[in-house]
Structures are given as structure tokens and as C-alpha cells.
Amino acid sequence: MIAMIDVEPEWEEEFNRWYDEEHFPDRVNCPGFLNGRRFVAIDGSPKYLAVYELESPEVMQSEAYKKISQQSPWTKRIHEHLTTVKRNVYVEITPDLKAKAKGE
């Protein structure tokens, strides 16, 4: 899953605090989330990117995920100041080139 976000400049400090202290820990500690990483764009937009590796796309429909998806008051306040939010779930389609080269 990836999330790409822009936030009003005057809210960036609080946005990053919220993401680091509430949003990100909730996700990386949710069953079915294998890991997560955050990035900031050097240039271009959206400015913020989060990449999460999931056991499967079904994790997004799990009871554990539904529980953390409920918006806290802090989340509601931050969401009012987001100018771009794009979130997509992907499945990997990378071919196994090493196995193919070995004739497997």
C-alpha cells in the first residue's frame, strides 16, 4: 500500500508529529502489516510518501485494520489540512528473473 500526501505548509510540523506518533505506529503494529517506511520528496508533489508492505490486500478489510481506521480527534483535525491524499493498494507483479535465468 502506498499513501501520498500534501499538507498545508503551516500544518507540516503537526502533521509529521501526528504521523510519527499516532498514524504510522498504528499501521506498522497492525496484524498483516509487515513493515512501513516514510519518505519526503526532494522535489515535486505530493511531498510525503508512505510505503507499507502487507501480507495480502485482504489486510485492508480485516477487523484489526477497521479498528485503527476509526478517526481519532487528532486525525480529524489533521485531515482538515491535507490538500492531497492518494492511497492505493498494489499487488506485486515483478517476474522472478533469477529463477527464469536458471531455467526454473
PDB file of N, CA and C in Angstrom:
ATOM      1  N   MET A   1       0.849  -1.163   0.000  1.00  0.00           N
ATOM      2  CA  MET A   1       0.000   0.000   0.000  1.00  0.00           C
ATOM      3  C   MET A   1       0.893   1.223   0.000  1.00  0.00           C
ATOM      4  N   ILE A   2       0.493   2.211  -0.757  1.00  0.00           N
ATOM      5  CA  ILE A   2       1.218   3.480  -0.708  1.00  0.00           C
ATOM      6  C   ILE A   2       0.228   4.593  -0.377  1.00  0.00           C
ATOM      7  N   ALA A   3       0.728   5.596   0.319  1.00  0.00           N
ATOM      8  CA  ALA A   3      -0.047   6.800   0.602  1.00  0.00           C
ATOM      9  C   ALA A   3       0.821   7.989   0.224  1.00  0.00           C
ATOM     10  N   MET A   4       0.236   8.889  -0.562  1.00  0.00           N
ATOM     11  CA  MET A   4       0.931  10.110  -0.970  1.00  0.00           C
ATOM     12  C   MET A   4       0.108  11.292  -0.467  1.00  0.00           C
ATOM     13  N   ILE A   5       0.767  12.221   0.229  1.00  0.00           N
ATOM     14  CA  ILE A   5       0.034  13.282   0.922  1.00  0.00           C
ATOM     15  C   ILE A   5       0.739  14.616   0.779  1.00  0.00           C
ATOM     16  N   ASP A   6      -0.064  15.655   0.587  1.00  0.00           N
ATOM     17  CA  ASP A   6       0.377  17.042   0.730  1.00  0.00           C
ATOM     18  C   ASP A   6      -0.427  17.641   1.868  1.00  0.00           C
ATOM     19  N   VAL A   7       0.194  18.549   2.588  1.00  0.00           N
ATOM     20  CA  VAL A   7      -0.451  19.193   3.733  1.00  0.00           C
ATOM     21  C   VAL A   7      -0.193  20.694   3.643  1.00  0.00           C
ATOM     22  N   GLU A   8      -1.126  21.472   4.172  1.00  0.00           N
ATOM     23  CA  GLU A   8      -0.926  22.918   4.215  1.00  0.00           C
ATOM     24  C   GLU A   8       0.397  23.201   4.928  1.00  0.00           C
ATOM     25  N   PRO A   9       1.241  24.063   4.363  1.00  0.00           N
ATOM     26  CA  PRO A   9       2.581  24.298   4.923  1.00  0.00           C
ATOM     27  C   PRO A   9       2.595  24.636   6.412  1.00  0.00           C
ATOM     28  N   GLU A  10       1.649  25.408   6.873  1.00  0.00           N
ATOM     29  CA  GLU A  10       1.643  25.788   8.292  1.00  0.00           C
ATOM     30  C   GLU A  10       1.254  24.630   9.214  1.00  0.00           C
ATOM     31  N   TRP A  11       0.818  23.525   8.653  1.00  0.00           N
ATOM     32  CA  TRP A  11       0.440  22.345   9.440  1.00  0.00           C
ATOM     33  C   TRP A  11       1.448  21.202   9.316  1.00  0.00           C
ATOM     34  N   GLU A  12       2.539  21.416   8.589  1.00  0.00           N
ATOM     35  CA  GLU A  12       3.501  20.324   8.371  1.00  0.00           C
ATOM     36  C   GLU A  12       4.113  19.790   9.662  1.00  0.00           C
ATOM     37  N   GLU A  13       4.474  20.660  10.568  1.00  0.00           N
ATOM     38  CA  GLU A  13       5.109  20.196  11.804  1.00  0.00           C
ATOM     39  C   GLU A  13       4.152  19.289  12.589  1.00  0.00           C
ATOM     40  N   GLU A  14       2.910  19.725  12.747  1.00  0.00           N
ATOM     41  CA  GLU A  14       1.948  18.899  13.479  1.00  0.00           C
ATOM     42  C   GLU A  14       1.598  17.637  12.694  1.00  0.00           C
ATOM     43  N   PHE A  15       1.480  17.753  11.374  1.00  0.00           N
ATOM     44  CA  PHE A  15       1.215  16.581  10.530  1.00  0.00           C
ATOM     45  C   PHE A  15       2.284  15.511  10.755  1.00  0.00           C
ATOM     46  N   ASN A  16       3.553  15.901  10.725  1.00  0.00           N
ATOM     47  CA  ASN A  16       4.640  14.938  10.906  1.00  0.00           C
ATOM     48  C   ASN A  16       4.642  14.353  12.309  1.00  0.00           C
ATOM     49  N   ARG A  17       4.325  15.161  13.303  1.00  0.00           N
ATOM     50  CA  ARG A  17       4.244  14.649  14.673  1.00  0.00           C
ATOM     51  C   ARG A  17       3.110  13.624  14.774  1.00  0.00           C
ATOM     52  N   TRP A  18       1.947  13.963  14.209  1.00  0.00           N
ATOM     53  CA  TRP A  18       0.806  13.043  14.214  1.00  0.00           C
ATOM     54  C   TRP A  18       1.157  11.748  13.472  1.00  0.00           C
ATOM     55  N   TYR A  19       1.772  11.879  12.317  1.00  0.00           N
ATOM     56  CA  TYR A  19       2.097  10.696  11.524  1.00  0.00           C
ATOM     57  C   TYR A  19       3.082   9.806  12.285  1.00  0.00           C
ATOM     58  N   ASP A  20       4.097  10.414  12.873  1.00  0.00           N
ATOM     59  CA  ASP A  20       5.125   9.646  13.588  1.00  0.00           C
ATOM     60  C   ASP A  20       4.640   9.068  14.915  1.00  0.00           C
ATOM     61  N   GLU A  21       3.756   9.774  15.594  1.00  0.00           N
ATOM     62  CA  GLU A  21       3.349   9.364  16.945  1.00  0.00           C
ATOM     63  C   GLU A  21       2.057   8.546  16.986  1.00  0.00           C
ATOM     64  N   GLU A  22       1.170   8.743  16.012  1.00  0.00           N
ATOM     65  CA  GLU A  22      -0.112   8.027  16.045  1.00  0.00           C
ATOM     66  C   GLU A  22      -0.345   7.177  14.798  1.00  0.00           C
ATOM     67  N   HIS A  23      -0.384   7.821  13.667  1.00  0.00           N
ATOM     68  CA  HIS A  23      -0.810   7.149  12.434  1.00  0.00           C
ATOM     69  C   HIS A  23       0.132   6.011  12.032  1.00  0.00           C
ATOM     70  N   PHE A  24       1.402   6.299  11.905  1.00  0.00           N
ATOM     71  CA  PHE A  24       2.378   5.301  11.464  1.00  0.00           C
ATOM     72  C   PHE A  24       2.483   4.131  12.444  1.00  0.00           C
ATOM     73  N   PRO A  25       2.636   4.384  13.759  1.00  0.00           N
ATOM     74  CA  PRO A  25       2.711   3.244  14.692  1.00  0.00           C
ATOM     75  C   PRO A  25       1.469   2.355  14.661  1.00  0.00           C
ATOM     76  N   ASP A  26       0.278   2.969  14.514  1.00  0.00           N
ATOM     77  CA  ASP A  26      -0.938   2.157  14.433  1.00  0.00           C
ATOM     78  C   ASP A  26      -0.863   1.178  13.264  1.00  0.00           C
ATOM     79  N   ARG A  27      -0.345   1.645  12.142  1.00  0.00           N
ATOM     80  CA  ARG A  27      -0.297   0.793  10.967  1.00  0.00           C
ATOM     81  C   ARG A  27       0.794  -0.273  11.053  1.00  0.00           C
ATOM     82  N   VAL A  28       1.997   0.108  11.388  1.00  0.00           N
ATOM     83  CA  VAL A  28       3.074  -0.895  11.396  1.00  0.00           C
ATOM     84  C   VAL A  28       2.896  -1.928  12.512  1.00  0.00           C
ATOM     85  N   ASN A  29       2.069  -1.617  13.511  1.00  0.00           N
ATOM     86  CA  ASN A  29       1.786  -2.589  14.571  1.00  0.00           C
ATOM     87  C   ASN A  29       0.499  -3.362  14.339  1.00  0.00           C
ATOM     88  N   CYS A  30      -0.187  -3.087  13.252  1.00  0.00           N
ATOM     89  CA  CYS A  30      -1.435  -3.779  12.915  1.00  0.00           C
ATOM     90  C   CYS A  30      -1.113  -5.155  12.331  1.00  0.00           C
ATOM     91  N   PRO A  31      -1.789  -6.208  12.785  1.00  0.00           N
ATOM     92  CA  PRO A  31      -1.567  -7.528  12.190  1.00  0.00           C
ATOM     93  C   PRO A  31      -1.772  -7.485  10.680  1.00  0.00           C
ATOM     94  N   GLY A  32      -0.840  -8.076   9.950  1.00  0.00           N
ATOM     95  CA  GLY A  32      -0.907  -8.107   8.499  1.00  0.00           C
ATOM     96  C   GLY A  32      -0.040  -7.057   7.827  1.00  0.00           C
ATOM     97  N   PHE A  33       0.370  -6.028   8.566  1.00  0.00           N
ATOM     98  CA  PHE A  33       1.332  -5.054   8.054  1.00  0.00           C
ATOM     99  C   PHE A  33       2.719  -5.589   8.384  1.00  0.00           C
ATOM    100  N   LEU A  34       3.530  -5.811   7.364  1.00  0.00           N
ATOM    101  CA  LEU A  34       4.852  -6.395   7.573  1.00  0.00           C
ATOM    102  C   LEU A  34       5.907  -5.339   7.895  1.00  0.00           C
ATOM    103  N   ASN A  35       5.786  -4.167   7.277  1.00  0.00           N
ATOM    104  CA  ASN A  35       6.711  -3.071   7.552  1.00  0.00           C
ATOM    105  C   ASN A  35       6.172  -1.801   6.917  1.00  0.00           C
ATOM    106  N   GLY A  36       6.806  -0.710   7.235  1.00  0.00           N
ATOM    107  CA  GLY A  36       6.422   0.572   6.657  1.00  0.00           C
ATOM    108  C   GLY A  36       7.605   1.517   6.639  1.00  0.00           C
ATOM    109  N   ARG A  37       7.579   2.422   5.675  1.00  0.00           N
ATOM    110  CA  ARG A  37       8.646   3.426   5.554  1.00  0.00           C
ATOM    111  C   ARG A  37       8.018   4.734   5.098  1.00  0.00           C
ATOM    112  N   ARG A  38       8.610   5.853   5.535  1.00  0.00           N
ATOM    113  CA  ARG A  38       8.140   7.182   5.135  1.00  0.00           C
ATOM    114  C   ARG A  38       9.232   7.891   4.360  1.00  0.00           C
ATOM    115  N   PHE A  39       8.789   8.732   3.414  1.00  0.00           N
ATOM    116  CA  PHE A  39       9.704   9.499   2.582  1.00  0.00           C
ATOM    117  C   PHE A  39       9.175  10.920   2.426  1.00  0.00           C
ATOM    118  N   VAL A  40      10.093  11.838   2.156  1.00  0.00           N
ATOM    119  CA  VAL A  40       9.716  13.200   1.800  1.00  0.00           C
ATOM    120  C   VAL A  40      10.358  13.500   0.448  1.00  0.00           C
ATOM    121  N   ALA A  41       9.592  14.128  -0.434  1.00  0.00           N
ATOM    122  CA  ALA A  41      10.078  14.427  -1.780  1.00  0.00           C
ATOM    123  C   ALA A  41      11.142  15.512  -1.732  1.00  0.00           C
ATOM    124  N   ILE A  42      12.174  15.323  -2.478  1.00  0.00           N
ATOM    125  CA  ILE A  42      13.203  16.353  -2.650  1.00  0.00           C
ATOM    126  C   ILE A  42      12.658  17.448  -3.555  1.00  0.00           C
ATOM    127  N   ASP A  43      11.832  17.030  -4.501  1.00  0.00           N
ATOM    128  CA  ASP A  43      11.239  17.950  -5.463  1.00  0.00           C
ATOM    129  C   ASP A  43       9.896  17.366  -5.881  1.00  0.00           C
ATOM    130  N   GLY A  44       8.949  18.200  -6.214  1.00  0.00           N
ATOM    131  CA  GLY A  44       7.675  17.728  -6.732  1.00  0.00           C
ATOM    132  C   GLY A  44       6.641  17.479  -5.663  1.00  0.00           C
ATOM    133  N   SER A  45       5.534  16.905  -6.110  1.00  0.00           N
ATOM    134  CA  SER A  45       4.393  16.716  -5.243  1.00  0.00           C
ATOM    135  C   SER A  45       3.694  15.415  -5.646  1.00  0.00           C
ATOM    136  N   PRO A  46       3.048  14.744  -4.732  1.00  0.00           N
ATOM    137  CA  PRO A  46       2.883  15.015  -3.320  1.00  0.00           C
ATOM    138  C   PRO A  46       4.213  14.953  -2.562  1.00  0.00           C
ATOM    139  N   LYS A  47       4.268  15.722  -1.503  1.00  0.00           N
ATOM    140  CA  LYS A  47       5.515  15.868  -0.747  1.00  0.00           C
ATOM    141  C   LYS A  47       5.829  14.640   0.108  1.00  0.00           C
ATOM    142  N   TYR A  48       4.802  14.015   0.672  1.00  0.00           N
ATOM    143  CA  TYR A  48       5.032  12.903   1.601  1.00  0.00           C
ATOM    144  C   TYR A  48       4.559  11.589   0.996  1.00  0.00           C
ATOM    145  N   LEU A  49       5.336  10.548   1.237  1.00  0.00           N
ATOM    146  CA  LEU A  49       5.040   9.210   0.743  1.00  0.00           C
ATOM    147  C   LEU A  49       5.260   8.217   1.874  1.00  0.00           C
ATOM    148  N   ALA A  50       4.302   7.321   2.045  1.00  0.00           N
ATOM    149  CA  ALA A  50       4.465   6.201   2.973  1.00  0.00           C
ATOM    150  C   ALA A  50       4.246   4.921   2.179  1.00  0.00           C
ATOM    151  N   VAL A  51       5.116   3.954   2.400  1.00  0.00           N
ATOM    152  CA  VAL A  51       5.035   2.661   1.716  1.00  0.00           C
ATOM    153  C   VAL A  51       4.924   1.582   2.787  1.00  0.00           C
ATOM    154  N   TYR A  52       3.885   0.793   2.689  1.00  0.00           N
ATOM    155  CA  TYR A  52       3.654  -0.292   3.638  1.00  0.00           C
ATOM    156  C   TYR A  52       3.625  -1.613   2.885  1.00  0.00           C
ATOM    157  N   GLU A  53       4.308  -2.613   3.428  1.00  0.00           N
ATOM    158  CA  GLU A  53       4.232  -3.952   2.865  1.00  0.00           C
ATOM    159  C   GLU A  53       3.197  -4.737   3.668  1.00  0.00           C
ATOM    160  N   LEU A  54       2.245  -5.347   2.954  1.00  0.00           N
ATOM    161  CA  LEU A  54       1.160  -6.095   3.575  1.00  0.00           C
ATOM    162  C   LEU A  54       1.310  -7.582   3.293  1.00  0.00           C
ATOM    163  N   GLU A  55       0.801  -8.413   4.201  1.00  0.00           N
ATOM    164  CA  GLU A  55       0.764  -9.851   3.935  1.00  0.00           C
ATOM    165  C   GLU A  55      -0.072 -10.137   2.700  1.00  0.00           C
ATOM    166  N   SER A  56      -1.179  -9.424   2.562  1.00  0.00           N
ATOM    167  CA  SER A  56      -2.073  -9.579   1.413  1.00  0.00           C
ATOM    168  C   SER A  56      -2.985  -8.360   1.354  1.00  0.00           C
ATOM    169  N   PRO A  57      -3.621  -8.115   0.212  1.00  0.00           N
ATOM    170  CA  PRO A  57      -4.557  -6.986   0.126  1.00  0.00           C
ATOM    171  C   PRO A  57      -5.729  -7.105   1.105  1.00  0.00           C
ATOM    172  N   GLU A  58      -6.071  -8.332   1.496  1.00  0.00           N
ATOM    173  CA  GLU A  58      -7.196  -8.551   2.410  1.00  0.00           C
ATOM    174  C   GLU A  58      -6.989  -7.926   3.780  1.00  0.00           C
ATOM    175  N   VAL A  59      -5.751  -7.605   4.117  1.00  0.00           N
ATOM    176  CA  VAL A  59      -5.459  -6.947   5.396  1.00  0.00           C
ATOM    177  C   VAL A  59      -6.290  -5.663   5.539  1.00  0.00           C
ATOM    178  N   MET A  60      -6.528  -4.996   4.404  1.00  0.00           N
ATOM    179  CA  MET A  60      -7.253  -3.730   4.434  1.00  0.00           C
ATOM    180  C   MET A  60      -8.733  -3.914   4.808  1.00  0.00           C
ATOM    181  N   GLN A  61      -9.243  -5.143   4.787  1.00  0.00           N
ATOM    182  CA  GLN A  61     -10.619  -5.423   5.193  1.00  0.00           C
ATOM    183  C   GLN A  61     -10.691  -6.127   6.545  1.00  0.00           C
ATOM    184  N   SER A  62      -9.553  -6.308   7.193  1.00  0.00           N
ATOM    185  CA  SER A  62      -9.521  -7.029   8.459  1.00  0.00           C
ATOM    186  C   SER A  62     -10.136  -6.200   9.596  1.00  0.00           C
ATOM    187  N   GLU A  63     -10.586  -6.900  10.618  1.00  0.00           N
ATOM    188  CA  GLU A  63     -11.139  -6.217  11.799  1.00  0.00           C
ATOM    189  C   GLU A  63     -10.075  -5.345  12.468  1.00  0.00           C
ATOM    190  N   ALA A  64      -8.837  -5.833  12.501  1.00  0.00           N
ATOM    191  CA  ALA A  64      -7.757  -5.051  13.120  1.00  0.00           C
ATOM    192  C   ALA A  64      -7.550  -3.727  12.387  1.00  0.00           C
ATOM    193  N   TYR A  65      -7.578  -3.767  11.054  1.00  0.00           N
ATOM    194  CA  TYR A  65      -7.405  -2.531  10.293  1.00  0.00           C
ATOM    195  C   TYR A  65      -8.620  -1.621  10.446  1.00  0.00           C
ATOM    196  N   LYS A  66      -9.811  -2.180  10.424  1.00  0.00           N
ATOM    197  CA  LYS A  66     -11.021  -1.367  10.612  1.00  0.00           C
ATOM    198  C   LYS A  66     -10.972  -0.635  11.946  1.00  0.00           C
ATOM    199  N   LYS A  67     -10.440  -1.297  12.959  1.00  0.00           N
ATOM    200  CA  LYS A  67     -10.350  -0.678  14.290  1.00  0.00           C
ATOM    201  C   LYS A  67      -9.422   0.534  14.271  1.00  0.00           C
ATOM    202  N   ILE A  68      -8.265   0.424  13.622  1.00  0.00           N
ATOM    203  CA  ILE A  68      -7.336   1.568  13.607  1.00  0.00           C
ATOM    204  C   ILE A  68      -7.734   2.626  12.594  1.00  0.00           C
ATOM    205  N   SER A  69      -8.658   2.293  11.709  1.00  0.00           N
ATOM    206  CA  SER A  69      -9.115   3.260  10.704  1.00  0.00           C
ATOM    207  C   SER A  69     -10.118   4.264  11.264  1.00  0.00           C
ATOM    208  N   GLN A  70     -10.634   3.999  12.449  1.00  0.00           N
ATOM    209  CA  GLN A  70     -11.549   4.951  13.071  1.00  0.00           C
ATOM    210  C   GLN A  70     -10.759   6.212  13.420  1.00  0.00           C
ATOM    211  N   GLN A  71     -11.299   7.355  13.071  1.00  0.00           N
ATOM    212  CA  GLN A  71     -10.555   8.598  13.214  1.00  0.00           C
ATOM    213  C   GLN A  71     -10.587   9.141  14.640  1.00  0.00           C
ATOM    214  N   SER A  72      -9.405   9.326  15.178  1.00  0.00           N
ATOM    215  CA  SER A  72      -9.258   9.984  16.481  1.00  0.00           C
ATOM    216  C   SER A  72      -9.511  11.478  16.295  1.00  0.00           C
ATOM    217  N   PRO A  73      -9.716  12.222  17.380  1.00  0.00           N
ATOM    218  CA  PRO A  73      -9.853  13.676  17.249  1.00  0.00           C
ATOM    219  C   PRO A  73      -8.624  14.310  16.579  1.00  0.00           C
ATOM    220  N   TRP A  74      -7.433  13.813  16.881  1.00  0.00           N
ATOM    221  CA  TRP A  74      -6.215  14.349  16.273  1.00  0.00           C
ATOM    222  C   TRP A  74      -6.213  14.089  14.762  1.00  0.00           C
ATOM    223  N   THR A  75      -6.614  12.888  14.379  1.00  0.00           N
ATOM    224  CA  THR A  75      -6.685  12.540  12.960  1.00  0.00           C
ATOM    225  C   THR A  75      -7.682  13.449  12.242  1.00  0.00           C
ATOM    226  N   LYS A  76      -8.846  13.650  12.833  1.00  0.00           N
ATOM    227  CA  LYS A  76      -9.855  14.514  12.218  1.00  0.00           C
ATOM    228  C   LYS A  76      -9.311  15.924  12.008  1.00  0.00           C
ATOM    229  N   ARG A  77      -8.607  16.440  13.014  1.00  0.00           N
ATOM    230  CA  ARG A  77      -8.043  17.792  12.912  1.00  0.00           C
ATOM    231  C   ARG A  77      -6.991  17.868  11.804  1.00  0.00           C
ATOM    232  N   ILE A  78      -6.128  16.881  11.711  1.00  0.00           N
ATOM    233  CA  ILE A  78      -5.089  16.868  10.680  1.00  0.00           C
ATOM    234  C   ILE A  78      -5.712  16.744   9.290  1.00  0.00           C
ATOM    235  N   HIS A  79      -6.702  15.878   9.150  1.00  0.00           N
ATOM    236  CA  HIS A  79      -7.318  15.647   7.837  1.00  0.00           C
ATOM    237  C   HIS A  79      -7.922  16.919   7.248  1.00  0.00           C
ATOM    238  N   GLU A  80      -8.324  17.839   8.074  1.00  0.00           N
ATOM    239  CA  GLU A  80      -8.868  19.113   7.587  1.00  0.00           C
ATOM    240  C   GLU A  80      -7.822  19.932   6.829  1.00  0.00           C
ATOM    241  N   HIS A  81      -6.537  19.630   7.034  1.00  0.00           N
ATOM    242  CA  HIS A  81      -5.455  20.430   6.468  1.00  0.00           C
ATOM    243  C   HIS A  81      -4.637  19.684   5.416  1.00  0.00           C
ATOM    244  N   LEU A  82      -5.118  18.516   5.002  1.00  0.00           N
ATOM    245  CA  LEU A  82      -4.465  17.771   3.931  1.00  0.00           C
ATOM    246  C   LEU A  82      -5.010  18.280   2.598  1.00  0.00           C
ATOM    247  N   THR A  83      -4.125  18.567   1.672  1.00  0.00           N
ATOM    248  CA  THR A  83      -4.553  19.088   0.378  1.00  0.00           C
ATOM    249  C   THR A  83      -4.529  18.017  -0.711  1.00  0.00           C
ATOM    250  N   THR A  84      -3.756  16.974  -0.516  1.00  0.00           N
ATOM    251  CA  THR A  84      -3.714  15.828  -1.425  1.00  0.00           C
ATOM    252  C   THR A  84      -3.633  14.570  -0.576  1.00  0.00           C
ATOM    253  N   VAL A  85      -4.467  13.614  -0.888  1.00  0.00           N
ATOM    254  CA  VAL A  85      -4.382  12.297  -0.252  1.00  0.00           C
ATOM    255  C   VAL A  85      -4.658  11.269  -1.339  1.00  0.00           C
ATOM    256  N   LYS A  86      -3.655  10.470  -1.632  1.00  0.00           N
ATOM    257  CA  LYS A  86      -3.804   9.366  -2.591  1.00  0.00           C
ATOM    258  C   LYS A  86      -3.340   8.104  -1.892  1.00  0.00           C
ATOM    259  N   ARG A  87      -4.201   7.118  -1.864  1.00  0.00           N
ATOM    260  CA  ARG A  87      -3.833   5.854  -1.231  1.00  0.00           C
ATOM    261  C   ARG A  87      -4.276   4.726  -2.132  1.00  0.00           C
ATOM    262  N   ASN A  88      -3.341   3.843  -2.426  1.00  0.00           N
ATOM    263  CA  ASN A  88      -3.637   2.702  -3.284  1.00  0.00           C
ATOM    264  C   ASN A  88      -3.003   1.446  -2.706  1.00  0.00           C
ATOM    265  N   VAL A  89      -3.649   0.334  -2.947  1.00  0.00           N
ATOM    266  CA  VAL A  89      -3.105  -0.972  -2.574  1.00  0.00           C
ATOM    267  C   VAL A  89      -2.694  -1.655  -3.872  1.00  0.00           C
ATOM    268  N   TYR A  90      -1.505  -2.197  -3.874  1.00  0.00           N
ATOM    269  CA  TYR A  90      -0.951  -2.851  -5.060  1.00  0.00           C
ATOM    270  C   TYR A  90      -0.585  -4.295  -4.730  1.00  0.00           C
ATOM    271  N   VAL A  91      -0.582  -5.143  -5.744  1.00  0.00           N
ATOM    272  CA  VAL A  91      -0.016  -6.481  -5.629  1.00  0.00           C
ATOM    273  C   VAL A  91       1.202  -6.531  -6.538  1.00  0.00           C
ATOM    274  N   GLU A  92       2.230  -7.206  -6.070  1.00  0.00           N
ATOM    275  CA  GLU A  92       3.485  -7.261  -6.815  1.00  0.00           C
ATOM    276  C   GLU A  92       3.364  -8.170  -8.024  1.00  0.00           C
ATOM    277  N   ILE A  93       3.891  -7.696  -9.148  1.00  0.00           N
ATOM    278  CA  ILE A  93       3.882  -8.485 -10.387  1.00  0.00           C
ATOM    279  C   ILE A  93       5.288  -8.638 -10.963  1.00  0.00           C
ATOM    280  N   THR A  94       6.302  -8.365 -10.165  1.00  0.00           N
ATOM    281  CA  THR A  94       7.681  -8.478 -10.610  1.00  0.00           C
ATOM    282  C   THR A  94       7.989  -9.922 -11.000  1.00  0.00           C
ATOM    283  N   PRO A  95       8.495 -10.145 -12.211  1.00  0.00           N
ATOM    284  CA  PRO A  95       8.872 -11.519 -12.581  1.00  0.00           C
ATOM    285  C   PRO A  95      10.139 -11.933 -11.821  1.00  0.00           C
ATOM    286  N   ASP A  96      10.245 -13.214 -11.543  1.00  0.00           N
ATOM    287  CA  ASP A  96      11.435 -13.741 -10.876  1.00  0.00           C
ATOM    288  C   ASP A  96      12.495 -14.021 -11.941  1.00  0.00           C
ATOM    289  N   LEU A  97      13.260 -13.010 -12.269  1.00  0.00           N
ATOM    290  CA  LEU A  97      14.247 -13.120 -13.348  1.00  0.00           C
ATOM    291  C   LEU A  97      15.395 -14.049 -13.016  1.00  0.00           C
ATOM    292  N   LYS A  98      15.745 -14.134 -11.731  1.00  0.00           N
ATOM    293  CA  LYS A  98      16.836 -15.051 -11.353  1.00  0.00           C
ATOM    294  C   LYS A  98      16.428 -16.503 -11.585  1.00  0.00           C
ATOM    295  N   ALA A  99      15.217 -16.858 -11.190  1.00  0.00           N
ATOM    296  CA  ALA A  99      14.761 -18.226 -11.410  1.00  0.00           C
ATOM    297  C   ALA A  99      14.627 -18.511 -12.894  1.00  0.00           C
ATOM    298  N   LYS A 100      14.144 -17.549 -13.651  1.00  0.00           N
ATOM    299  CA  LYS A 100      13.995 -17.707 -15.100  1.00  0.00           C
ATOM    300  C   LYS A 100      15.361 -17.929 -15.754  1.00  0.00           C
ATOM    301  N   ALA A 101      16.386 -17.196 -15.297  1.00  0.00           N
ATOM    302  CA  ALA A 101      17.733 -17.327 -15.862  1.00  0.00           C
ATOM    303  C   ALA A 101      18.322 -18.705 -15.554  1.00  0.00           C
ATOM    304  N   LYS A 102      17.924 -19.281 -14.413  1.00  0.00           N
ATOM    305  CA  LYS A 102      18.418 -20.599 -14.028  1.00  0.00           C
ATOM    306  C   LYS A 102      17.617 -21.711 -14.688  1.00  0.00           C
ATOM    307  N   GLY A 103      16.566 -21.346 -15.420  1.00  0.00           N
ATOM    308  CA  GLY A 103      15.740 -22.338 -16.090  1.00  0.00           C
ATOM    309  C   GLY A 103      14.704 -22.975 -15.204  1.00  0.00           C
ATOM    310  N   GLU A 104      14.404 -22.372 -14.088  1.00  0.00           N
ATOM    311  CA  GLU A 104      13.403 -22.927 -13.158  1.00  0.00           C
ATOM    312  C   GLU A 104      11.998 -22.633 -13.609  1.00  0.00           C
TER     313      GLU A 104
END
